[in-house]
Amino acid sequence: MVELERRGLATAAVATEPFVDEALEQARLLGMPDYRMIYVPHPVQLLSAEELRGYAERAFEEIVARLTQPRSPRADGAHPRS
């Protein structure tokens, strides 16, 4: 995803909240500390399809916003849950 961003294609990765630090560190190591991330509550592996759909519906607007709004320097990396 970072490579797609470098090529000018907007992306937005989704991770669960306990992995905020790891996600930010991975993006930093890949040279993109302000990489767009969307965080959802944890855990997800035991949720029903209906519960997962609810998570997706709640995250949808944020994902669309991250994909369509211009990025400002460090705006996405300033606070992992912004």
C-alpha atoms as a PDB file:
ATOM      1  CA  MET A   1       0.000   0.000   0.000  1.00  0.00           C
ATOM      2  CA  VAL A   2       2.851   2.376   0.758  1.00  0.00           C
ATOM      3  CA  GLU A   3       4.227   1.733  -2.737  1.00  0.00           C
ATOM      4  CA  LEU A   4       0.830   2.560  -4.264  1.00  0.00           C
ATOM      5  CA  GLU A   5       0.786   5.828  -2.295  1.00  0.00           C
ATOM      6  CA  ARG A   6       4.264   6.650  -3.599  1.00  0.00           C
ATOM      7  CA  ARG A   7       2.900   6.149  -7.109  1.00  0.00           C
ATOM      8  CA  GLY A   8       0.073   8.608  -6.431  1.00  0.00           C
ATOM      9  CA  LEU A   9      -2.745   6.152  -5.735  1.00  0.00           C
ATOM     10  CA  ALA A  10      -4.610   6.875  -2.519  1.00  0.00           C
ATOM     11  CA  THR A  11      -4.963   3.925  -0.149  1.00  0.00           C
ATOM     12  CA  ALA A  12      -6.195   3.435   3.395  1.00  0.00           C
ATOM     13  CA  ALA A  13      -5.192   0.440   5.495  1.00  0.00           C
ATOM     14  CA  VAL A  14      -7.450  -0.845   8.260  1.00  0.00           C
ATOM     15  CA  ALA A  15      -6.053  -2.264  11.509  1.00  0.00           C
ATOM     16  CA  THR A  16      -7.420  -2.986  14.948  1.00  0.00           C
ATOM     17  CA  GLU A  17      -6.628  -0.567  17.768  1.00  0.00           C
ATOM     18  CA  PRO A  18      -4.065  -2.705  19.649  1.00  0.00           C
ATOM     19  CA  PHE A  19      -1.855  -2.570  16.556  1.00  0.00           C
ATOM     20  CA  VAL A  20      -1.641   1.232  16.317  1.00  0.00           C
ATOM     21  CA  ASP A  21       2.003   1.360  17.390  1.00  0.00           C
ATOM     22  CA  GLU A  22       3.026  -1.471  15.074  1.00  0.00           C
ATOM     23  CA  ALA A  23       1.194   0.050  12.105  1.00  0.00           C
ATOM     24  CA  LEU A  24       2.768   3.464  12.645  1.00  0.00           C
ATOM     25  CA  GLU A  25       6.227   1.935  13.088  1.00  0.00           C
ATOM     26  CA  GLN A  26       5.891  -0.130   9.901  1.00  0.00           C
ATOM     27  CA  ALA A  27       4.835   2.951   7.936  1.00  0.00           C
ATOM     28  CA  ARG A  28       7.761   4.898   9.389  1.00  0.00           C
ATOM     29  CA  LEU A  29      10.196   2.120   8.472  1.00  0.00           C
ATOM     30  CA  LEU A  30       8.828   2.141   4.932  1.00  0.00           C
ATOM     31  CA  GLY A  31       9.517   5.877   4.723  1.00  0.00           C
ATOM     32  CA  MET A  32       5.944   7.106   5.052  1.00  0.00           C
ATOM     33  CA  PRO A  33       5.256   8.074   8.696  1.00  0.00           C
ATOM     34  CA  ASP A  34       2.050   9.898   7.732  1.00  0.00           C
ATOM     35  CA  TYR A  35       0.541   6.869   5.995  1.00  0.00           C
ATOM     36  CA  ARG A  36      -3.266   6.766   6.081  1.00  0.00           C
ATOM     37  CA  MET A  37      -4.591   4.268   8.641  1.00  0.00           C
ATOM     38  CA  ILE A  38      -8.089   3.497   9.830  1.00  0.00           C
ATOM     39  CA  TYR A  39      -8.474   1.821  13.230  1.00  0.00           C
ATOM     40  CA  VAL A  40     -11.366  -0.354  14.354  1.00  0.00           C
ATOM     41  CA  PRO A  41     -12.016  -1.945  17.757  1.00  0.00           C
ATOM     42  CA  HIS A  42     -10.357  -5.240  18.647  1.00  0.00           C
ATOM     43  CA  PRO A  43     -10.875  -8.198  18.458  1.00  0.00           C
ATOM     44  CA  VAL A  44     -12.508  -8.950  15.127  1.00  0.00           C
ATOM     45  CA  GLN A  45     -11.785 -12.642  14.578  1.00  0.00           C
ATOM     46  CA  LEU A  46     -14.732 -13.885  16.658  1.00  0.00           C
ATOM     47  CA  LEU A  47     -17.320 -11.438  15.339  1.00  0.00           C
ATOM     48  CA  SER A  48     -20.277 -12.551  13.283  1.00  0.00           C
ATOM     49  CA  ALA A  49     -20.671 -11.371   9.707  1.00  0.00           C
ATOM     50  CA  GLU A  50     -23.316  -8.901  10.912  1.00  0.00           C
ATOM     51  CA  GLU A  51     -20.979  -7.481  13.575  1.00  0.00           C
ATOM     52  CA  LEU A  52     -18.148  -7.156  11.049  1.00  0.00           C
ATOM     53  CA  ARG A  53     -20.515  -5.399   8.660  1.00  0.00           C
ATOM     54  CA  GLY A  54     -21.268  -2.907  11.447  1.00  0.00           C
ATOM     55  CA  TYR A  55     -17.551  -2.208  11.897  1.00  0.00           C
ATOM     56  CA  ALA A  56     -17.199  -1.693   8.149  1.00  0.00           C
ATOM     57  CA  GLU A  57     -20.200   0.632   7.998  1.00  0.00           C
ATOM     58  CA  ARG A  58     -18.826   2.748  10.852  1.00  0.00           C
ATOM     59  CA  ALA A  59     -15.384   2.970   9.198  1.00  0.00           C
ATOM     60  CA  PHE A  60     -16.687   3.574   5.665  1.00  0.00           C
ATOM     61  CA  GLU A  61     -16.952   7.385   5.801  1.00  0.00           C
ATOM     62  CA  GLU A  62     -13.473   7.711   7.283  1.00  0.00           C
ATOM     63  CA  ILE A  63     -12.047   5.442   4.590  1.00  0.00           C
ATOM     64  CA  VAL A  64     -13.732   7.457   1.826  1.00  0.00           C
ATOM     65  CA  ALA A  65     -12.473  10.702   3.372  1.00  0.00           C
ATOM     66  CA  ARG A  66      -8.899   9.410   3.549  1.00  0.00           C
ATOM     67  CA  LEU A  67      -9.079   8.310  -0.079  1.00  0.00           C
ATOM     68  CA  THR A  68     -10.604  11.497  -1.479  1.00  0.00           C
ATOM     69  CA  GLN A  69      -9.334  14.426   0.596  1.00  0.00           C
ATOM     70  CA  PRO A  70      -5.935  15.982  -0.064  1.00  0.00           C
ATOM     71  CA  ARG A  71      -3.294  14.980   2.421  1.00  0.00           C
ATOM     72  CA  SER A  72      -1.609  17.618   4.516  1.00  0.00           C
ATOM     73  CA  PRO A  73       1.936  16.995   5.787  1.00  0.00           C
ATOM     74  CA  ARG A  74       1.908  14.704   8.838  1.00  0.00           C
ATOM     75  CA  ALA A  75      -1.854  15.222   9.291  1.00  0.00           C
ATOM     76  CA  ASP A  76      -2.555  11.502   9.272  1.00  0.00           C
ATOM     77  CA  GLY A  77       0.420  10.620  11.422  1.00  0.00           C
ATOM     78  CA  ALA A  78      -0.086  13.291  14.071  1.00  0.00           C
ATOM     79  CA  HIS A  79      -2.601  11.201  15.980  1.00  0.00           C
ATOM     80  CA  PRO A  80      -3.256   7.576  15.078  1.00  0.00           C
ATOM     81  CA  ARG A  81      -6.999   7.758  15.685  1.00  0.00           C
ATOM     82  CA  SER A  82      -7.688  11.110  14.043  1.00  0.00           C
END
